[in-house]
Amino acid sequence: MKNNTTTSRRNFIKKSTLFAVGAGSTIAFPTPTFGNHKSDSEKINVIGPKEGYSSQIGTLVSMMNWMRNTILMPVKGMSVEDLDFLIDDKANSIGAMLWHLAATERFYQIHTFEGKKWGDWSLKDKKEWEIASGLGDKARQKIKGNSLDFYLEKLENTRKNTLQEFAKRDDNWLMKVDEDWFWGPTNNYCKWFHVCEHESNHNGQFKFIKSRLPSSKEE
């Protein structure tokens, strides 16, 4: 039985490695990013409970911190021209997508912290976040000419609010199930994990667009 278990593990590792190579994957090791949204002493690569939060909320926060650290790496030092660059007339700019990420987080704050139905936003929130949330033509027309600091401030401010609200809640709140959510029964944990994995989705787009920037060809 022991030998079968060992063999199974070896086969799993071998198959996983071959799949990664065959899919053109590489193992990437994160490096420290820029900005002041984390202290130098924070252990970014330690996923798990964090001081100041309930156990599961702290674990979620650690994942969100890690993902935020990762998505900011590709955009470091980008100029306004880089942030506004469009690959084609159907594409979204990196600047618009950064604002989009902040908008997504803001709308989930309103929904889960304030208990409002999805789409029940105030006029103030609609004015600041709706275009970025929807992306597309309106975002291509309206979201441009802003510095990187402009987008980082929006991301920083929304995240600050998220962390403050998380600290007021416990794991029972996180596990509470919304039976009427669009995807079917969904708890607050899944909703906020979606905010995290949503950033992962756009991280790939940031890297792709960065590789096509005119400024990268000049270098």
N, C-alpha and C. Protein backbone atom coordinates (compact mmCIF):
# COMPACT_ATOMS: atom_id res chain seq x y z
N MET A 1 0.84 -1.21 0.00
CA MET A 1 0.00 0.00 0.00
C MET A 1 0.87 1.25 0.00
N LYS A 2 1.95 1.21 0.80
CA LYS A 2 2.85 2.36 0.87
C LYS A 2 3.49 2.62 -0.48
N ASN A 3 3.93 1.54 -1.16
CA ASN A 3 4.57 1.71 -2.46
C ASN A 3 3.60 2.28 -3.48
N ASN A 4 2.34 1.84 -3.45
CA ASN A 4 1.34 2.34 -4.38
C ASN A 4 1.10 3.83 -4.16
N THR A 5 1.07 4.23 -2.89
CA THR A 5 0.86 5.65 -2.58
C THR A 5 2.00 6.49 -3.10
N THR A 6 3.24 6.00 -2.85
CA THR A 6 4.43 6.72 -3.31
C THR A 6 4.43 6.84 -4.83
N THR A 7 4.12 5.73 -5.50
CA THR A 7 4.08 5.73 -6.97
C THR A 7 3.04 6.70 -7.49
N SER A 8 1.87 6.72 -6.85
CA SER A 8 0.80 7.63 -7.27
C SER A 8 1.23 9.08 -7.15
N ARG A 9 1.90 9.39 -6.06
CA ARG A 9 2.36 10.76 -5.86
C ARG A 9 3.38 11.15 -6.92
N ARG A 10 4.30 10.22 -7.20
CA ARG A 10 5.32 10.51 -8.22
C ARG A 10 4.68 10.71 -9.59
N ASN A 11 3.70 9.87 -9.91
CA ASN A 11 3.00 10.01 -11.20
C ASN A 11 2.26 11.33 -11.29
N PHE A 12 1.65 11.73 -10.17
CA PHE A 12 0.92 12.99 -10.16
C PHE A 12 1.86 14.16 -10.43
N ILE A 13 3.00 14.16 -9.71
CA ILE A 13 3.98 15.23 -9.89
C ILE A 13 4.51 15.24 -11.32
N LYS A 14 4.81 14.04 -11.83
CA LYS A 14 5.34 13.95 -13.21
C LYS A 14 4.34 14.47 -14.22
N LYS A 15 3.07 14.05 -14.08
CA LYS A 15 2.04 14.48 -15.02
C LYS A 15 1.79 15.98 -14.91
N SER A 16 1.81 16.49 -13.68
CA SER A 16 1.58 17.93 -13.48
C SER A 16 2.68 18.74 -14.13
N THR A 17 3.94 18.26 -14.00
CA THR A 17 5.07 18.96 -14.58
C THR A 17 5.00 18.95 -16.10
N LEU A 18 4.66 17.79 -16.67
CA LEU A 18 4.55 17.69 -18.13
C LEU A 18 3.44 18.57 -18.66
N PHE A 19 2.33 18.64 -17.91
CA PHE A 19 1.23 19.50 -18.35
C PHE A 19 1.65 20.95 -18.37
N ALA A 20 2.37 21.38 -17.33
CA ALA A 20 2.80 22.78 -17.25
C ALA A 20 3.73 23.13 -18.39
N VAL A 21 4.69 22.22 -18.68
CA VAL A 21 5.63 22.47 -19.77
C VAL A 21 4.90 22.48 -21.11
N GLY A 22 4.00 21.50 -21.29
CA GLY A 22 3.27 21.40 -22.55
C GLY A 22 2.38 22.58 -22.80
N ALA A 23 1.88 23.19 -21.71
CA ALA A 23 0.99 24.34 -21.85
C ALA A 23 1.77 25.64 -21.98
N GLY A 24 3.10 25.53 -21.95
CA GLY A 24 3.91 26.73 -22.09
C GLY A 24 3.99 27.53 -20.81
N SER A 25 3.74 26.89 -19.67
CA SER A 25 3.75 27.58 -18.40
C SER A 25 5.16 27.68 -17.85
N THR A 26 5.37 28.69 -17.02
CA THR A 26 6.62 28.83 -16.30
C THR A 26 6.31 29.14 -14.85
N ILE A 27 7.22 28.79 -13.97
CA ILE A 27 7.03 29.10 -12.56
C ILE A 27 7.57 30.49 -12.30
N ALA A 28 6.72 31.37 -11.78
CA ALA A 28 7.14 32.75 -11.54
C ALA A 28 7.23 32.99 -10.04
N PHE A 29 8.33 33.60 -9.62
CA PHE A 29 8.50 33.92 -8.22
C PHE A 29 8.28 35.41 -8.01
N PRO A 30 7.27 35.79 -7.22
CA PRO A 30 6.97 37.20 -7.01
C PRO A 30 8.14 37.93 -6.36
N THR A 31 8.29 39.18 -6.71
CA THR A 31 9.29 40.04 -6.07
C THR A 31 8.57 41.23 -5.47
N PRO A 32 9.20 41.91 -4.51
CA PRO A 32 8.53 43.03 -3.86
C PRO A 32 8.11 44.09 -4.86
N THR A 33 6.95 44.68 -4.65
CA THR A 33 6.44 45.70 -5.56
C THR A 33 6.65 47.08 -4.98
N PHE A 34 6.05 48.09 -5.60
CA PHE A 34 6.21 49.46 -5.17
C PHE A 34 4.97 49.93 -4.46
N GLY A 35 5.00 51.15 -4.00
CA GLY A 35 3.83 51.72 -3.33
C GLY A 35 3.97 51.60 -1.83
N ASN A 36 3.08 52.28 -1.10
CA ASN A 36 3.18 52.31 0.35
C ASN A 36 1.97 51.66 1.00
N HIS A 37 1.27 50.77 0.28
CA HIS A 37 0.07 50.19 0.84
C HIS A 37 0.37 49.01 1.75
N LYS A 38 1.65 48.66 1.92
CA LYS A 38 2.02 47.61 2.85
C LYS A 38 3.29 48.01 3.56
N SER A 39 3.44 47.59 4.79
CA SER A 39 4.67 47.87 5.51
C SER A 39 5.75 46.91 5.05
N ASP A 40 7.02 47.33 5.22
CA ASP A 40 8.12 46.48 4.79
C ASP A 40 8.18 45.19 5.58
N SER A 41 7.62 45.21 6.79
CA SER A 41 7.73 44.04 7.65
C SER A 41 6.65 43.00 7.37
N GLU A 42 5.68 43.34 6.53
CA GLU A 42 4.59 42.38 6.28
C GLU A 42 5.11 41.17 5.53
N LYS A 43 4.68 39.99 5.96
CA LYS A 43 5.10 38.75 5.32
C LYS A 43 4.10 38.43 4.21
N ILE A 44 4.33 39.00 3.05
CA ILE A 44 3.37 38.93 1.95
C ILE A 44 3.13 37.50 1.48
N ASN A 45 4.13 36.63 1.60
CA ASN A 45 4.00 35.27 1.09
C ASN A 45 3.50 34.27 2.14
N VAL A 46 3.07 34.77 3.27
CA VAL A 46 2.49 33.91 4.30
C VAL A 46 0.97 34.04 4.23
N ILE A 47 0.32 33.03 3.65
CA ILE A 47 -1.13 33.03 3.52
C ILE A 47 -1.73 32.40 4.78
N GLY A 48 -2.67 33.10 5.38
CA GLY A 48 -3.31 32.56 6.58
C GLY A 48 -3.88 33.68 7.43
N PRO A 49 -4.33 33.34 8.64
CA PRO A 49 -4.94 34.34 9.53
C PRO A 49 -4.02 35.52 9.77
N LYS A 50 -4.62 36.69 9.96
CA LYS A 50 -3.86 37.92 10.19
C LYS A 50 -4.40 38.62 11.43
N GLU A 51 -3.51 39.24 12.14
CA GLU A 51 -3.90 39.96 13.35
C GLU A 51 -4.90 41.07 13.01
N GLY A 52 -5.93 41.17 13.83
CA GLY A 52 -6.92 42.22 13.62
C GLY A 52 -8.17 41.75 12.89
N TYR A 53 -8.15 40.48 12.44
CA TYR A 53 -9.28 39.93 11.70
C TYR A 53 -9.63 38.55 12.25
N SER A 54 -10.86 38.13 12.03
CA SER A 54 -11.22 36.76 12.35
C SER A 54 -10.40 35.82 11.47
N SER A 55 -10.35 34.55 11.83
CA SER A 55 -9.45 33.60 11.17
C SER A 55 -9.62 33.54 9.66
N GLN A 56 -10.85 33.28 9.19
CA GLN A 56 -11.08 33.13 7.76
C GLN A 56 -10.99 34.47 7.02
N ILE A 57 -11.45 35.54 7.64
CA ILE A 57 -11.33 36.86 7.00
C ILE A 57 -9.86 37.23 6.86
N GLY A 58 -9.07 36.95 7.88
CA GLY A 58 -7.64 37.23 7.80
C GLY A 58 -6.96 36.46 6.69
N THR A 59 -7.37 35.22 6.51
CA THR A 59 -6.82 34.40 5.42
C THR A 59 -7.19 35.00 4.06
N LEU A 60 -8.43 35.44 3.93
CA LEU A 60 -8.86 36.10 2.70
C LEU A 60 -8.05 37.37 2.45
N VAL A 61 -7.85 38.15 3.50
CA VAL A 61 -7.06 39.39 3.38
C VAL A 61 -5.65 39.09 2.90
N SER A 62 -5.05 38.02 3.43
CA SER A 62 -3.69 37.68 3.01
C SER A 62 -3.64 37.32 1.53
N MET A 63 -4.68 36.64 1.03
CA MET A 63 -4.74 36.32 -0.40
C MET A 63 -4.94 37.58 -1.25
N MET A 64 -5.79 38.48 -0.78
CA MET A 64 -6.03 39.72 -1.51
C MET A 64 -4.79 40.59 -1.54
N ASN A 65 -4.05 40.61 -0.44
CA ASN A 65 -2.80 41.38 -0.41
C ASN A 65 -1.79 40.81 -1.39
N TRP A 66 -1.70 39.48 -1.43
CA TRP A 66 -0.73 38.84 -2.33
C TRP A 66 -1.08 39.15 -3.78
N MET A 67 -2.37 39.06 -4.11
CA MET A 67 -2.78 39.31 -5.49
C MET A 67 -2.59 40.77 -5.86
N ARG A 68 -2.89 41.69 -4.95
CA ARG A 68 -2.68 43.11 -5.24
C ARG A 68 -1.21 43.41 -5.47
N ASN A 69 -0.37 42.81 -4.66
CA ASN A 69 1.07 42.96 -4.84
C ASN A 69 1.49 42.51 -6.24
N THR A 70 0.91 41.41 -6.70
CA THR A 70 1.27 40.83 -8.00
C THR A 70 0.79 41.67 -9.18
N ILE A 71 -0.45 42.18 -9.10
CA ILE A 71 -0.96 42.91 -10.27
C ILE A 71 -0.27 44.26 -10.46
N LEU A 72 0.34 44.79 -9.40
CA LEU A 72 0.99 46.08 -9.54
C LEU A 72 2.40 45.98 -10.13
N MET A 73 2.96 44.78 -10.13
CA MET A 73 4.31 44.61 -10.68
C MET A 73 4.41 45.03 -12.15
N PRO A 74 3.51 44.57 -13.03
CA PRO A 74 3.67 44.91 -14.45
C PRO A 74 3.49 46.39 -14.77
N VAL A 75 2.80 47.15 -13.92
CA VAL A 75 2.49 48.54 -14.26
C VAL A 75 3.47 49.53 -13.65
N LYS A 76 4.43 49.04 -12.91
CA LYS A 76 5.39 49.93 -12.26
C LYS A 76 6.08 50.84 -13.27
N GLY A 77 6.06 52.14 -12.98
CA GLY A 77 6.76 53.11 -13.82
C GLY A 77 6.09 53.45 -15.13
N MET A 78 4.88 52.98 -15.35
CA MET A 78 4.21 53.26 -16.63
C MET A 78 3.87 54.74 -16.78
N SER A 79 4.06 55.24 -17.98
CA SER A 79 3.72 56.62 -18.31
C SER A 79 2.24 56.72 -18.65
N VAL A 80 1.76 57.94 -18.79
CA VAL A 80 0.37 58.16 -19.20
C VAL A 80 0.11 57.49 -20.55
N GLU A 81 1.09 57.61 -21.45
CA GLU A 81 0.94 57.00 -22.78
C GLU A 81 0.82 55.48 -22.69
N ASP A 82 1.60 54.89 -21.81
CA ASP A 82 1.52 53.44 -21.62
C ASP A 82 0.15 53.04 -21.07
N LEU A 83 -0.32 53.79 -20.10
CA LEU A 83 -1.59 53.47 -19.45
C LEU A 83 -2.77 53.66 -20.38
N ASP A 84 -2.63 54.55 -21.36
CA ASP A 84 -3.72 54.85 -22.31
C ASP A 84 -3.67 53.98 -23.57
N PHE A 85 -2.60 53.23 -23.73
CA PHE A 85 -2.39 52.48 -24.98
C PHE A 85 -3.50 51.47 -25.23
N LEU A 86 -3.98 51.45 -26.49
CA LEU A 86 -4.99 50.48 -26.91
C LEU A 86 -4.42 49.64 -28.05
N ILE A 87 -4.47 48.33 -27.90
CA ILE A 87 -3.97 47.44 -28.94
C ILE A 87 -4.81 47.55 -30.21
N ASP A 88 -6.14 47.67 -30.03
CA ASP A 88 -7.04 47.86 -31.16
C ASP A 88 -8.29 48.58 -30.66
N ASP A 89 -9.25 48.79 -31.55
CA ASP A 89 -10.42 49.58 -31.19
C ASP A 89 -11.43 48.83 -30.32
N LYS A 90 -11.13 47.58 -29.99
CA LYS A 90 -11.99 46.80 -29.11
C LYS A 90 -11.33 46.56 -27.74
N ALA A 91 -10.10 47.00 -27.60
CA ALA A 91 -9.33 46.69 -26.40
C ALA A 91 -9.64 47.67 -25.26
N ASN A 92 -9.23 47.28 -24.07
CA ASN A 92 -9.27 48.17 -22.91
C ASN A 92 -7.85 48.56 -22.55
N SER A 93 -7.67 49.77 -22.11
CA SER A 93 -6.34 50.22 -21.70
C SER A 93 -6.03 49.71 -20.30
N ILE A 94 -4.74 49.70 -19.95
CA ILE A 94 -4.34 49.29 -18.61
C ILE A 94 -4.90 50.28 -17.59
N GLY A 95 -4.87 51.56 -17.92
CA GLY A 95 -5.42 52.56 -17.00
C GLY A 95 -6.88 52.31 -16.70
N ALA A 96 -7.65 52.05 -17.74
CA ALA A 96 -9.09 51.78 -17.55
C ALA A 96 -9.30 50.53 -16.71
N MET A 97 -8.47 49.51 -16.92
CA MET A 97 -8.64 48.27 -16.16
C MET A 97 -8.24 48.44 -14.70
N LEU A 98 -7.26 49.28 -14.42
CA LEU A 98 -6.91 49.56 -13.02
C LEU A 98 -8.09 50.22 -12.31
N TRP A 99 -8.70 51.19 -12.98
CA TRP A 99 -9.88 51.84 -12.41
C TRP A 99 -11.03 50.83 -12.28
N HIS A 100 -11.13 49.95 -13.26
CA HIS A 100 -12.14 48.90 -13.26
C HIS A 100 -12.01 48.00 -12.03
N LEU A 101 -10.78 47.66 -11.66
CA LEU A 101 -10.56 46.82 -10.48
C LEU A 101 -11.02 47.52 -9.21
N ALA A 102 -10.73 48.82 -9.12
CA ALA A 102 -11.18 49.59 -7.96
C ALA A 102 -12.70 49.69 -7.94
N ALA A 103 -13.30 49.84 -9.12
CA ALA A 103 -14.76 49.93 -9.22
C ALA A 103 -15.43 48.63 -8.78
N THR A 104 -14.86 47.52 -9.20
CA THR A 104 -15.40 46.22 -8.80
C THR A 104 -15.39 46.08 -7.28
N GLU A 105 -14.27 46.44 -6.68
CA GLU A 105 -14.17 46.34 -5.22
C GLU A 105 -15.17 47.27 -4.54
N ARG A 106 -15.33 48.47 -5.07
CA ARG A 106 -16.28 49.42 -4.48
C ARG A 106 -17.70 48.88 -4.54
N PHE A 107 -18.10 48.31 -5.66
CA PHE A 107 -19.46 47.80 -5.79
C PHE A 107 -19.71 46.60 -4.86
N TYR A 108 -18.70 45.77 -4.68
CA TYR A 108 -18.86 44.66 -3.73
C TYR A 108 -18.91 45.18 -2.29
N GLN A 109 -18.26 46.28 -2.01
CA GLN A 109 -18.38 46.91 -0.70
C GLN A 109 -19.83 47.33 -0.44
N ILE A 110 -20.40 48.03 -1.40
CA ILE A 110 -21.77 48.52 -1.25
C ILE A 110 -22.73 47.35 -1.07
N HIS A 111 -22.52 46.32 -1.87
CA HIS A 111 -23.42 45.16 -1.83
C HIS A 111 -23.29 44.38 -0.52
N THR A 112 -22.07 44.02 -0.14
CA THR A 112 -21.90 43.13 1.01
C THR A 112 -21.83 43.86 2.35
N PHE A 113 -21.28 45.06 2.39
CA PHE A 113 -21.16 45.79 3.65
C PHE A 113 -22.41 46.61 3.96
N GLU A 114 -22.99 47.20 2.91
CA GLU A 114 -24.16 48.06 3.11
C GLU A 114 -25.48 47.32 2.89
N GLY A 115 -25.38 46.08 2.38
CA GLY A 115 -26.57 45.26 2.21
C GLY A 115 -27.49 45.68 1.08
N LYS A 116 -26.95 46.39 0.09
CA LYS A 116 -27.77 46.84 -1.03
C LYS A 116 -27.76 45.81 -2.16
N LYS A 117 -28.85 45.77 -2.92
CA LYS A 117 -28.92 44.87 -4.07
C LYS A 117 -27.93 45.33 -5.13
N TRP A 118 -27.44 44.37 -5.91
CA TRP A 118 -26.48 44.70 -6.96
C TRP A 118 -27.10 45.68 -7.94
N GLY A 119 -26.42 46.79 -8.16
CA GLY A 119 -26.90 47.82 -9.08
C GLY A 119 -27.59 48.97 -8.38
N ASP A 120 -27.85 48.82 -7.09
CA ASP A 120 -28.51 49.88 -6.32
C ASP A 120 -27.44 50.84 -5.78
N TRP A 121 -26.84 51.60 -6.71
CA TRP A 121 -25.75 52.49 -6.33
C TRP A 121 -26.25 53.93 -6.22
N SER A 122 -25.60 54.70 -5.39
CA SER A 122 -25.92 56.12 -5.28
C SER A 122 -25.44 56.84 -6.53
N LEU A 123 -25.97 58.05 -6.76
CA LEU A 123 -25.54 58.83 -7.92
C LEU A 123 -24.05 59.13 -7.86
N LYS A 124 -23.55 59.36 -6.64
CA LYS A 124 -22.12 59.63 -6.46
C LYS A 124 -21.28 58.44 -6.88
N ASP A 125 -21.68 57.25 -6.44
CA ASP A 125 -20.92 56.06 -6.81
C ASP A 125 -21.04 55.75 -8.30
N LYS A 126 -22.22 55.96 -8.86
CA LYS A 126 -22.39 55.73 -10.30
C LYS A 126 -21.47 56.65 -11.09
N LYS A 127 -21.39 57.90 -10.68
CA LYS A 127 -20.57 58.88 -11.41
C LYS A 127 -19.10 58.50 -11.39
N GLU A 128 -18.63 58.01 -10.24
CA GLU A 128 -17.20 57.70 -10.12
C GLU A 128 -16.84 56.34 -10.70
N TRP A 129 -17.75 55.36 -10.60
CA TRP A 129 -17.35 53.98 -10.86
C TRP A 129 -18.03 53.29 -12.03
N GLU A 130 -19.17 53.75 -12.49
CA GLU A 130 -19.95 52.98 -13.45
C GLU A 130 -19.26 52.79 -14.80
N ILE A 131 -18.66 53.85 -15.33
CA ILE A 131 -17.99 53.72 -16.63
C ILE A 131 -16.82 52.75 -16.54
N ALA A 132 -16.03 52.87 -15.48
CA ALA A 132 -14.89 51.97 -15.30
C ALA A 132 -15.36 50.54 -15.09
N SER A 133 -16.46 50.37 -14.41
CA SER A 133 -16.98 49.02 -14.18
C SER A 133 -17.38 48.35 -15.49
N GLY A 134 -18.01 49.12 -16.38
CA GLY A 134 -18.48 48.55 -17.64
C GLY A 134 -17.43 48.43 -18.72
N LEU A 135 -16.32 49.22 -18.62
CA LEU A 135 -15.28 49.25 -19.64
C LEU A 135 -15.90 49.51 -21.02
N GLY A 136 -15.30 48.97 -22.10
CA GLY A 136 -15.87 49.15 -23.43
C GLY A 136 -15.71 50.55 -23.99
N ASP A 137 -16.63 50.94 -24.90
CA ASP A 137 -16.52 52.20 -25.63
C ASP A 137 -16.46 53.43 -24.73
N LYS A 138 -17.34 53.47 -23.74
CA LYS A 138 -17.36 54.65 -22.86
C LYS A 138 -16.04 54.82 -22.12
N ALA A 139 -15.47 53.72 -21.67
CA ALA A 139 -14.20 53.78 -20.96
C ALA A 139 -13.08 54.22 -21.92
N ARG A 140 -13.11 53.73 -23.15
CA ARG A 140 -12.08 54.12 -24.12
C ARG A 140 -12.15 55.62 -24.41
N GLN A 141 -13.34 56.18 -24.37
CA GLN A 141 -13.51 57.60 -24.64
C GLN A 141 -13.19 58.49 -23.43
N LYS A 142 -13.56 58.01 -22.25
CA LYS A 142 -13.49 58.86 -21.06
C LYS A 142 -12.26 58.64 -20.19
N ILE A 143 -11.78 57.41 -20.12
CA ILE A 143 -10.69 57.11 -19.18
C ILE A 143 -9.35 57.16 -19.90
N LYS A 144 -8.72 58.31 -19.83
CA LYS A 144 -7.40 58.51 -20.43
C LYS A 144 -6.82 59.82 -19.90
N GLY A 145 -5.51 59.93 -20.06
CA GLY A 145 -4.84 61.14 -19.63
C GLY A 145 -4.51 61.20 -18.14
N ASN A 146 -4.66 60.07 -17.45
CA ASN A 146 -4.39 60.04 -16.00
C ASN A 146 -3.06 59.38 -15.69
N SER A 147 -2.41 59.86 -14.65
CA SER A 147 -1.13 59.28 -14.23
C SER A 147 -1.34 57.97 -13.50
N LEU A 148 -0.28 57.22 -13.31
CA LEU A 148 -0.36 55.97 -12.56
C LEU A 148 -0.81 56.24 -11.13
N ASP A 149 -0.31 57.32 -10.53
CA ASP A 149 -0.70 57.65 -9.16
C ASP A 149 -2.21 57.85 -9.03
N PHE A 150 -2.84 58.36 -10.05
CA PHE A 150 -4.29 58.56 -10.05
C PHE A 150 -5.01 57.24 -9.83
N TYR A 151 -4.59 56.21 -10.57
CA TYR A 151 -5.23 54.90 -10.46
C TYR A 151 -4.84 54.20 -9.15
N LEU A 152 -3.58 54.34 -8.75
CA LEU A 152 -3.14 53.71 -7.50
C LEU A 152 -3.90 54.28 -6.30
N GLU A 153 -4.20 55.56 -6.35
CA GLU A 153 -4.95 56.18 -5.25
C GLU A 153 -6.35 55.58 -5.13
N LYS A 154 -6.98 55.34 -6.27
CA LYS A 154 -8.32 54.74 -6.24
C LYS A 154 -8.25 53.31 -5.68
N LEU A 155 -7.26 52.55 -6.11
CA LEU A 155 -7.10 51.20 -5.60
C LEU A 155 -6.79 51.21 -4.10
N GLU A 156 -5.94 52.14 -3.70
CA GLU A 156 -5.55 52.23 -2.29
C GLU A 156 -6.73 52.61 -1.40
N ASN A 157 -7.49 53.59 -1.83
CA ASN A 157 -8.61 54.07 -1.02
C ASN A 157 -9.72 53.01 -0.88
N THR A 158 -10.03 52.32 -1.98
CA THR A 158 -11.06 51.28 -1.88
C THR A 158 -10.59 50.13 -1.00
N ARG A 159 -9.33 49.76 -1.12
CA ARG A 159 -8.81 48.66 -0.30
C ARG A 159 -8.78 49.04 1.18
N LYS A 160 -8.44 50.28 1.46
CA LYS A 160 -8.43 50.74 2.85
C LYS A 160 -9.82 50.58 3.47
N ASN A 161 -10.84 50.94 2.73
CA ASN A 161 -12.21 50.82 3.22
C ASN A 161 -12.58 49.34 3.42
N THR A 162 -12.18 48.50 2.47
CA THR A 162 -12.46 47.07 2.58
C THR A 162 -11.87 46.49 3.86
N LEU A 163 -10.62 46.81 4.14
CA LEU A 163 -9.95 46.28 5.31
C LEU A 163 -10.59 46.77 6.61
N GLN A 164 -11.00 48.03 6.61
CA GLN A 164 -11.67 48.57 7.80
C GLN A 164 -12.99 47.85 8.05
N GLU A 165 -13.72 47.56 6.99
CA GLU A 165 -15.00 46.88 7.14
C GLU A 165 -14.82 45.41 7.50
N PHE A 166 -13.81 44.77 6.93
CA PHE A 166 -13.53 43.37 7.29
C PHE A 166 -13.24 43.24 8.79
N ALA A 167 -12.52 44.22 9.33
CA ALA A 167 -12.14 44.17 10.74
C ALA A 167 -13.36 44.24 11.67
N LYS A 168 -14.48 44.74 11.17
CA LYS A 168 -15.70 44.85 11.98
C LYS A 168 -16.53 43.57 11.96
N ARG A 169 -16.15 42.61 11.10
CA ARG A 169 -16.98 41.44 10.88
C ARG A 169 -16.28 40.16 11.30
N ASP A 170 -17.05 39.05 11.36
CA ASP A 170 -16.48 37.79 11.78
C ASP A 170 -16.71 36.70 10.73
N ASP A 171 -16.25 35.50 11.03
CA ASP A 171 -16.34 34.41 10.07
C ASP A 171 -17.78 33.99 9.78
N ASN A 172 -18.67 34.20 10.73
CA ASN A 172 -20.08 33.88 10.49
C ASN A 172 -20.64 34.75 9.37
N TRP A 173 -20.25 36.02 9.37
CA TRP A 173 -20.67 36.94 8.28
C TRP A 173 -20.08 36.47 6.96
N LEU A 174 -18.80 36.09 6.99
CA LEU A 174 -18.11 35.68 5.76
C LEU A 174 -18.77 34.45 5.15
N MET A 175 -19.25 33.56 5.99
CA MET A 175 -19.84 32.32 5.51
C MET A 175 -21.34 32.43 5.19
N LYS A 176 -21.93 33.56 5.47
CA LYS A 176 -23.36 33.74 5.23
C LYS A 176 -23.69 33.58 3.75
N VAL A 177 -24.70 32.76 3.45
CA VAL A 177 -25.05 32.43 2.07
C VAL A 177 -26.18 33.31 1.55
N ASP A 178 -25.96 33.83 0.36
CA ASP A 178 -27.00 34.58 -0.37
C ASP A 178 -27.66 33.58 -1.32
N GLU A 179 -28.88 33.22 -1.00
CA GLU A 179 -29.59 32.21 -1.80
C GLU A 179 -30.06 32.74 -3.16
N ASP A 180 -30.11 34.06 -3.32
CA ASP A 180 -30.66 34.67 -4.53
C ASP A 180 -29.60 35.28 -5.44
N TRP A 181 -28.33 34.98 -5.21
CA TRP A 181 -27.26 35.56 -6.02
C TRP A 181 -27.30 35.01 -7.44
N PHE A 182 -26.76 35.79 -8.37
CA PHE A 182 -26.79 35.44 -9.80
C PHE A 182 -26.26 34.04 -10.10
N TRP A 183 -25.24 33.62 -9.37
CA TRP A 183 -24.58 32.34 -9.64
C TRP A 183 -25.26 31.17 -8.94
N GLY A 184 -26.30 31.44 -8.18
CA GLY A 184 -26.87 30.43 -7.29
C GLY A 184 -26.40 30.72 -5.88
N PRO A 185 -26.73 29.86 -4.91
CA PRO A 185 -26.33 30.10 -3.52
C PRO A 185 -24.84 30.43 -3.41
N THR A 186 -24.53 31.59 -2.85
CA THR A 186 -23.16 32.09 -2.82
C THR A 186 -22.92 32.81 -1.50
N ASN A 187 -21.83 32.48 -0.82
CA ASN A 187 -21.58 33.18 0.44
C ASN A 187 -20.66 34.39 0.24
N ASN A 188 -20.53 35.20 1.28
CA ASN A 188 -19.70 36.39 1.19
C ASN A 188 -18.24 36.05 0.92
N TYR A 189 -17.83 34.88 1.39
CA TYR A 189 -16.45 34.45 1.13
C TYR A 189 -16.23 34.32 -0.38
N CYS A 190 -17.15 33.67 -1.06
CA CYS A 190 -17.02 33.48 -2.51
C CYS A 190 -17.07 34.82 -3.24
N LYS A 191 -17.95 35.71 -2.79
CA LYS A 191 -18.06 37.02 -3.44
C LYS A 191 -16.73 37.78 -3.34
N TRP A 192 -16.12 37.75 -2.17
CA TRP A 192 -14.87 38.48 -2.00
C TRP A 192 -13.68 37.73 -2.59
N PHE A 193 -13.75 36.41 -2.64
CA PHE A 193 -12.70 35.69 -3.35
C PHE A 193 -12.77 36.03 -4.84
N HIS A 194 -13.97 36.26 -5.35
CA HIS A 194 -14.12 36.69 -6.74
C HIS A 194 -13.42 38.02 -6.99
N VAL A 195 -13.50 38.94 -6.03
CA VAL A 195 -12.79 40.21 -6.16
C VAL A 195 -11.29 39.96 -6.31
N CYS A 196 -10.79 38.98 -5.55
CA CYS A 196 -9.37 38.63 -5.61
C CYS A 196 -9.00 37.99 -6.94
N GLU A 197 -9.75 36.97 -7.35
CA GLU A 197 -9.41 36.28 -8.61
C GLU A 197 -9.68 37.14 -9.83
N HIS A 198 -10.56 38.12 -9.70
CA HIS A 198 -10.81 39.08 -10.77
C HIS A 198 -9.54 39.85 -11.09
N GLU A 199 -8.78 40.20 -10.05
CA GLU A 199 -7.51 40.89 -10.28
C GLU A 199 -6.52 39.96 -10.99
N SER A 200 -6.56 38.68 -10.65
CA SER A 200 -5.69 37.71 -11.31
C SER A 200 -6.00 37.66 -12.81
N ASN A 201 -7.27 37.71 -13.16
CA ASN A 201 -7.69 37.69 -14.55
C ASN A 201 -7.07 38.85 -15.33
N HIS A 202 -7.15 40.04 -14.76
CA HIS A 202 -6.62 41.21 -15.46
C HIS A 202 -5.10 41.29 -15.41
N ASN A 203 -4.50 40.61 -14.47
CA ASN A 203 -3.04 40.58 -14.40
C ASN A 203 -2.44 40.03 -15.69
N GLY A 204 -3.06 39.00 -16.23
CA GLY A 204 -2.59 38.44 -17.50
C GLY A 204 -2.72 39.44 -18.63
N GLN A 205 -3.80 40.22 -18.62
CA GLN A 205 -3.99 41.23 -19.66
C GLN A 205 -2.94 42.34 -19.54
N PHE A 206 -2.64 42.74 -18.31
CA PHE A 206 -1.61 43.76 -18.10
C PHE A 206 -0.29 43.32 -18.72
N LYS A 207 0.09 42.08 -18.46
CA LYS A 207 1.37 41.58 -18.95
C LYS A 207 1.39 41.49 -20.48
N PHE A 208 0.27 41.07 -21.04
CA PHE A 208 0.19 40.96 -22.51
C PHE A 208 0.30 42.34 -23.15
N ILE A 209 -0.48 43.31 -22.65
CA ILE A 209 -0.44 44.65 -23.21
C ILE A 209 0.93 45.28 -23.03
N LYS A 210 1.53 45.07 -21.87
CA LYS A 210 2.86 45.63 -21.61
C LYS A 210 3.86 45.15 -22.65
N SER A 211 3.76 43.89 -23.06
CA SER A 211 4.70 43.34 -24.05
C SER A 211 4.48 43.93 -25.43
N ARG A 212 3.34 44.61 -25.65
CA ARG A 212 3.03 45.20 -26.96
C ARG A 212 3.15 46.72 -26.97
N LEU A 213 3.53 47.30 -25.85
CA LEU A 213 3.63 48.77 -25.77
C LEU A 213 4.69 49.30 -26.72
N PRO A 214 4.42 50.40 -27.41
CA PRO A 214 5.45 51.03 -28.24
C PRO A 214 6.71 51.35 -27.45
N SER A 215 6.55 51.73 -26.17
CA SER A 215 7.70 52.06 -25.35
C SER A 215 8.58 50.83 -25.09
N SER A 216 7.99 49.64 -25.05
CA SER A 216 8.77 48.43 -24.83
C SER A 216 9.61 48.10 -26.06
N LYS A 217 9.11 48.45 -27.23
CA LYS A 217 9.88 48.21 -28.47
C LYS A 217 11.05 49.17 -28.55
N GLU A 218 10.83 50.39 -28.05
CA GLU A 218 11.90 51.39 -28.06
C GLU A 218 13.05 50.95 -27.17
N GLU A 219 12.70 50.31 -26.04
CA GLU A 219 13.74 49.84 -25.13
C GLU A 219 14.55 48.72 -25.77
